[in-house]
Amino acid sequence: MPVFRITADGLFPPSACAAPGGALAIGGDLSPDRLLAAYSRGIFPWYSEDEPIIWWSPDPRFVLFPADLHVSKTMGSLLRKGTFEITIDKDFPAVISACKKSERPGQNGTWITDDMQEAYIRLHEMGFAHSVEAWRDDKLSGGLYGVSLGRCFFGESMFTHVKDASKAAFITLVQRLDALSFTLIDCQMPTRHLASLGAVEISRGRFLTLLEGSLRFPTLTGNWGALLPKSQKRATS
């Protein structure tokens, strides 16, 4: 199937038109309106510095249902001990910068371009993009960032400088979103790391149906560090 070019009207083609592998369209820009329109349709940008903007809608889709989060005994113990201090929206620019600089196995360079970094910082300033930070000895040791619409959180990237730091950040976020009745964490592409925490593959059709349901609820914008509940569920094995 062809990969479509974004036209002057800025509309995305239906996700079902994506090529095998998930590539859907090229072109456009990373303005806040376009990014939010893309996420609301289950579409996200992913490209390299020397490429045009490429928009994706993979099938199957890798997701985590918050209620199905799996916390190992090791991670449960680590969280109870307070090995890491977990904060939310404390330093979004530092998190996305660390994600950009992180080396990925099998990847040559980074897909977080300068333009993409600036675009997501704008979304953060508007209250739609959020970061979770794991600190140890007052140093940023791991974290993640993503976008939230309705009751869906779209994970974009994570990094770790200290073993289990990003896991601690992710688990804490999922537990707090579960307490707010979030229905879906979009993990986009499969990774062993997230599979160990309970993420699974579902069809794109089912993902879009679930996303449509989650978007019927208002979006929780603003600084999540002050808005998200502090209480967590008891860690399970």
Protein backbone atom coordinates (compact mmCIF):
# COMPACT_ATOMS: atom_id res chain seq x y z
CA MET A 1 0.00 0.00 0.00
CA PRO A 2 1.24 3.56 -0.68
CA VAL A 3 2.45 6.01 1.95
CA PHE A 4 0.36 9.17 1.60
CA ARG A 5 1.67 12.72 1.48
CA ILE A 6 0.06 15.23 3.84
CA THR A 7 -1.87 17.65 1.66
CA ALA A 8 -2.47 21.36 2.06
CA ASP A 9 -5.64 20.73 4.08
CA GLY A 10 -3.51 18.92 6.67
CA LEU A 11 -5.87 15.96 7.01
CA PHE A 12 -4.52 12.49 7.79
CA PRO A 13 -5.62 9.49 5.72
CA PRO A 14 -7.48 6.73 7.60
CA SER A 15 -5.18 4.55 9.69
CA ALA A 16 -6.38 1.48 7.80
CA CYS A 17 -4.53 2.86 4.76
CA ALA A 18 -1.12 2.41 6.44
CA ALA A 19 1.51 0.40 4.63
CA PRO A 20 2.70 -2.93 6.07
CA GLY A 21 4.81 -2.00 9.08
CA GLY A 22 2.63 0.98 9.93
CA ALA A 23 3.94 3.90 7.83
CA LEU A 24 0.93 6.02 6.89
CA ALA A 25 1.93 9.46 5.63
CA ILE A 26 4.82 11.87 5.14
CA GLY A 27 5.13 15.62 5.37
CA GLY A 28 3.28 18.22 7.36
CA ASP A 29 4.76 19.77 10.47
CA LEU A 30 5.03 19.28 14.22
CA SER A 31 2.70 22.06 15.28
CA PRO A 32 0.70 21.42 18.46
CA ASP A 33 -2.57 21.22 16.53
CA ARG A 34 -1.21 18.64 14.10
CA LEU A 35 0.39 16.53 16.83
CA LEU A 36 -2.78 16.47 18.92
CA ALA A 37 -4.86 15.67 15.85
CA ALA A 38 -2.51 12.78 15.06
CA TYR A 39 -2.58 11.29 18.56
CA SER A 40 -6.37 11.54 18.68
CA ARG A 41 -6.39 9.30 15.58
CA GLY A 42 -3.84 6.81 16.87
CA ILE A 43 -1.05 8.27 14.71
CA PHE A 44 2.42 9.36 15.82
CA PRO A 45 5.57 10.80 14.18
CA TRP A 46 8.79 8.78 13.96
CA TYR A 47 11.64 9.65 11.63
CA SER A 48 15.35 10.42 11.47
CA GLU A 49 17.14 13.74 11.05
CA ASP A 50 17.73 13.21 7.31
CA GLU A 51 14.13 12.16 6.55
CA PRO A 52 10.84 14.02 6.08
CA ILE A 53 8.33 13.69 8.92
CA ILE A 54 6.88 10.17 8.77
CA TRP A 55 3.56 9.39 10.47
CA TRP A 56 2.80 5.87 11.74
CA SER A 57 -0.16 3.74 12.75
CA PRO A 58 1.15 0.19 13.29
CA ASP A 59 -0.89 -2.97 13.32
CA PRO A 60 -0.76 -4.69 15.76
CA ARG A 61 -0.38 -2.03 18.44
CA PHE A 62 1.55 -2.53 21.69
CA VAL A 63 -0.41 -1.35 24.73
CA LEU A 64 -0.64 -1.73 28.48
CA PHE A 65 -3.95 -1.78 30.30
CA PRO A 66 -3.20 -0.09 33.65
CA ALA A 67 -5.11 -2.71 35.65
CA ASP A 68 -2.88 -5.42 34.10
CA LEU A 69 0.41 -3.87 35.23
CA HIS A 70 2.83 -6.56 36.41
CA VAL A 71 5.21 -5.57 39.20
CA SER A 72 7.83 -8.18 40.06
CA LYS A 73 8.80 -8.91 43.65
CA THR A 74 12.17 -7.28 42.97
CA MET A 75 10.60 -4.07 41.67
CA GLY A 76 7.99 -4.08 44.41
CA SER A 77 10.72 -4.25 47.03
CA LEU A 78 12.71 -1.51 45.30
CA LEU A 79 9.71 0.80 45.21
CA ARG A 80 8.82 0.16 48.86
CA LYS A 81 12.38 0.93 49.91
CA GLY A 82 12.23 4.28 48.14
CA THR A 83 15.42 3.56 46.20
CA PHE A 84 14.40 6.26 43.74
CA GLU A 85 12.57 9.51 44.31
CA ILE A 86 9.88 9.66 41.63
CA THR A 87 8.60 13.03 40.43
CA ILE A 88 6.22 14.03 37.65
CA ASP A 89 6.63 17.06 35.41
CA LYS A 90 9.57 18.31 37.44
CA ASP A 91 12.03 18.62 34.53
CA PHE A 92 10.51 17.75 31.17
CA PRO A 93 13.34 19.33 29.11
CA ALA A 94 15.96 17.25 30.96
CA VAL A 95 14.00 14.03 30.39
CA ILE A 96 13.49 14.51 26.66
CA SER A 97 17.13 15.57 26.30
CA ALA A 98 18.28 12.40 28.08
CA CYS A 99 16.00 10.28 25.88
CA LYS A 100 17.46 11.97 22.82
CA LYS A 101 21.02 11.20 23.90
CA SER A 102 20.38 7.58 24.91
CA GLU A 103 21.93 4.96 22.66
CA ARG A 104 19.47 2.34 21.39
CA PRO A 105 20.55 -1.16 20.32
CA GLY A 106 20.19 -1.53 16.56
CA GLN A 107 19.65 2.21 15.97
CA ASN A 108 22.13 4.52 14.31
CA GLY A 109 21.68 7.84 16.05
CA THR A 110 18.46 9.21 17.50
CA TRP A 111 14.94 9.65 16.14
CA ILE A 112 14.31 12.56 18.52
CA THR A 113 15.34 15.40 16.23
CA ASP A 114 15.87 18.98 17.38
CA ASP A 115 12.51 19.94 15.86
CA MET A 116 10.77 17.07 17.64
CA GLN A 117 12.37 18.01 20.95
CA GLU A 118 11.14 21.59 20.58
CA ALA A 119 7.66 20.42 19.54
CA TYR A 120 7.14 18.22 22.60
CA ILE A 121 8.47 20.89 24.94
CA ARG A 122 5.76 23.15 23.48
CA LEU A 123 3.15 20.45 24.16
CA HIS A 124 4.46 20.18 27.72
CA GLU A 125 4.13 23.93 28.21
CA MET A 126 0.54 23.63 26.98
CA GLY A 127 -0.14 20.86 29.53
CA PHE A 128 -0.49 17.92 27.12
CA ALA A 129 2.96 16.32 27.34
CA HIS A 130 4.32 14.99 30.63
CA SER A 131 7.50 13.59 32.08
CA VAL A 132 8.24 11.21 34.93
CA GLU A 133 11.62 11.42 36.62
CA ALA A 134 13.50 8.92 38.79
CA TRP A 135 16.15 10.52 41.01
CA ARG A 136 18.90 8.91 43.05
CA ASP A 137 21.25 10.94 45.21
CA ASP A 138 19.68 14.06 43.66
CA LYS A 139 20.74 12.97 40.16
CA LEU A 140 18.36 12.25 37.30
CA SER A 141 18.74 8.49 36.91
CA GLY A 142 15.93 7.58 34.52
CA GLY A 143 12.56 8.62 33.24
CA LEU A 144 10.07 8.83 30.41
CA TYR A 145 7.81 11.25 28.60
CA GLY A 146 4.62 11.09 26.58
CA VAL A 147 1.37 12.75 25.62
CA SER A 148 -2.02 12.48 27.32
CA LEU A 149 -5.47 12.88 25.78
CA GLY A 150 -8.68 11.84 27.48
CA ARG A 151 -7.90 8.74 29.53
CA CYS A 152 -5.08 7.53 27.30
CA PHE A 153 -1.37 8.12 27.83
CA PHE A 154 0.81 7.82 24.72
CA GLY A 155 4.32 6.83 25.79
CA GLU A 156 7.03 8.28 23.58
CA SER A 157 10.43 7.40 24.99
CA MET A 158 12.27 6.43 28.15
CA PHE A 159 15.88 6.34 29.31
CA THR A 160 17.86 4.96 32.22
CA HIS A 161 21.28 5.76 33.64
CA VAL A 162 20.83 3.52 36.69
CA LYS A 163 19.42 -0.02 36.57
CA ASP A 164 15.63 -0.15 37.06
CA ALA A 165 15.25 3.64 37.18
CA SER A 166 13.01 3.85 34.12
CA LYS A 167 10.97 0.86 35.33
CA ALA A 168 10.40 2.58 38.66
CA ALA A 169 9.26 5.73 36.87
CA PHE A 170 6.95 3.82 34.53
CA ILE A 171 5.38 1.69 37.26
CA THR A 172 4.70 4.74 39.41
CA LEU A 173 3.06 6.54 36.50
CA VAL A 174 0.85 3.59 35.58
CA GLN A 175 -0.28 3.11 39.18
CA ARG A 176 -1.25 6.75 39.49
CA LEU A 177 -3.05 6.78 36.15
CA ASP A 178 -4.91 3.62 37.14
CA ALA A 179 -6.12 5.44 40.25
CA LEU A 180 -7.57 8.07 37.88
CA SER A 181 -9.35 5.40 35.80
CA PHE A 182 -7.11 5.77 32.76
CA THR A 183 -7.97 2.97 30.36
CA LEU A 184 -4.96 2.72 28.08
CA ILE A 185 -1.20 3.21 27.91
CA ASP A 186 -0.02 3.30 24.28
CA CYS A 187 3.45 1.77 24.04
CA GLN A 188 3.45 1.92 20.21
CA MET A 189 6.05 -0.73 19.33
CA PRO A 190 6.87 -3.99 21.18
CA THR A 191 9.80 -4.09 23.58
CA ARG A 192 10.86 -6.86 25.96
CA HIS A 193 11.21 -4.25 28.69
CA LEU A 194 7.53 -3.25 28.56
CA ALA A 195 6.29 -6.77 27.88
CA SER A 196 7.77 -7.78 31.25
CA LEU A 197 5.51 -5.15 32.83
CA GLY A 198 2.36 -6.50 31.21
CA ALA A 199 2.16 -4.77 27.82
CA VAL A 200 0.53 -6.80 25.04
CA GLU A 201 -0.20 -6.57 21.32
CA ILE A 202 -3.73 -5.83 20.13
CA SER A 203 -5.12 -5.18 16.68
CA ARG A 204 -5.11 -1.64 15.36
CA GLY A 205 -8.89 -1.83 15.04
CA ARG A 206 -9.32 -2.67 18.71
CA PHE A 207 -6.81 0.01 19.69
CA LEU A 208 -8.71 2.68 17.76
CA THR A 209 -12.00 1.60 19.35
CA LEU A 210 -10.49 1.79 22.83
CA LEU A 211 -8.89 5.14 22.01
CA GLU A 212 -12.22 6.54 20.83
CA GLY A 213 -13.75 5.53 24.15
CA SER A 214 -10.97 7.11 26.20
CA LEU A 215 -11.26 10.40 24.31
CA ARG A 216 -14.84 10.83 25.51
CA PHE A 217 -13.42 11.94 28.85
CA PRO A 218 -11.84 15.35 29.46
CA THR A 219 -8.06 15.65 29.21
CA LEU A 220 -6.20 16.27 32.45
CA THR A 221 -3.90 19.13 31.46
CA GLY A 222 -1.41 21.11 33.50
CA ASN A 223 1.41 20.04 35.79
CA TRP A 224 0.72 16.46 36.80
CA GLY A 225 3.11 16.69 39.72
CA ALA A 226 0.43 18.64 41.55
CA LEU A 227 -2.60 16.87 40.07
CA LEU A 228 -1.94 13.13 40.19
CA PRO A 229 -2.80 11.17 43.36
CA LYS A 230 0.12 10.10 45.51
CA SER A 231 -1.37 6.82 46.68
CA GLN A 232 -0.27 3.62 44.97
CA LYS A 233 -1.61 0.12 44.83
CA ARG A 234 0.22 -2.54 46.73
CA ALA A 235 2.97 -4.02 44.56
CA THR A 236 2.20 -7.49 43.23
CA SER A 237 4.41 -10.27 41.97
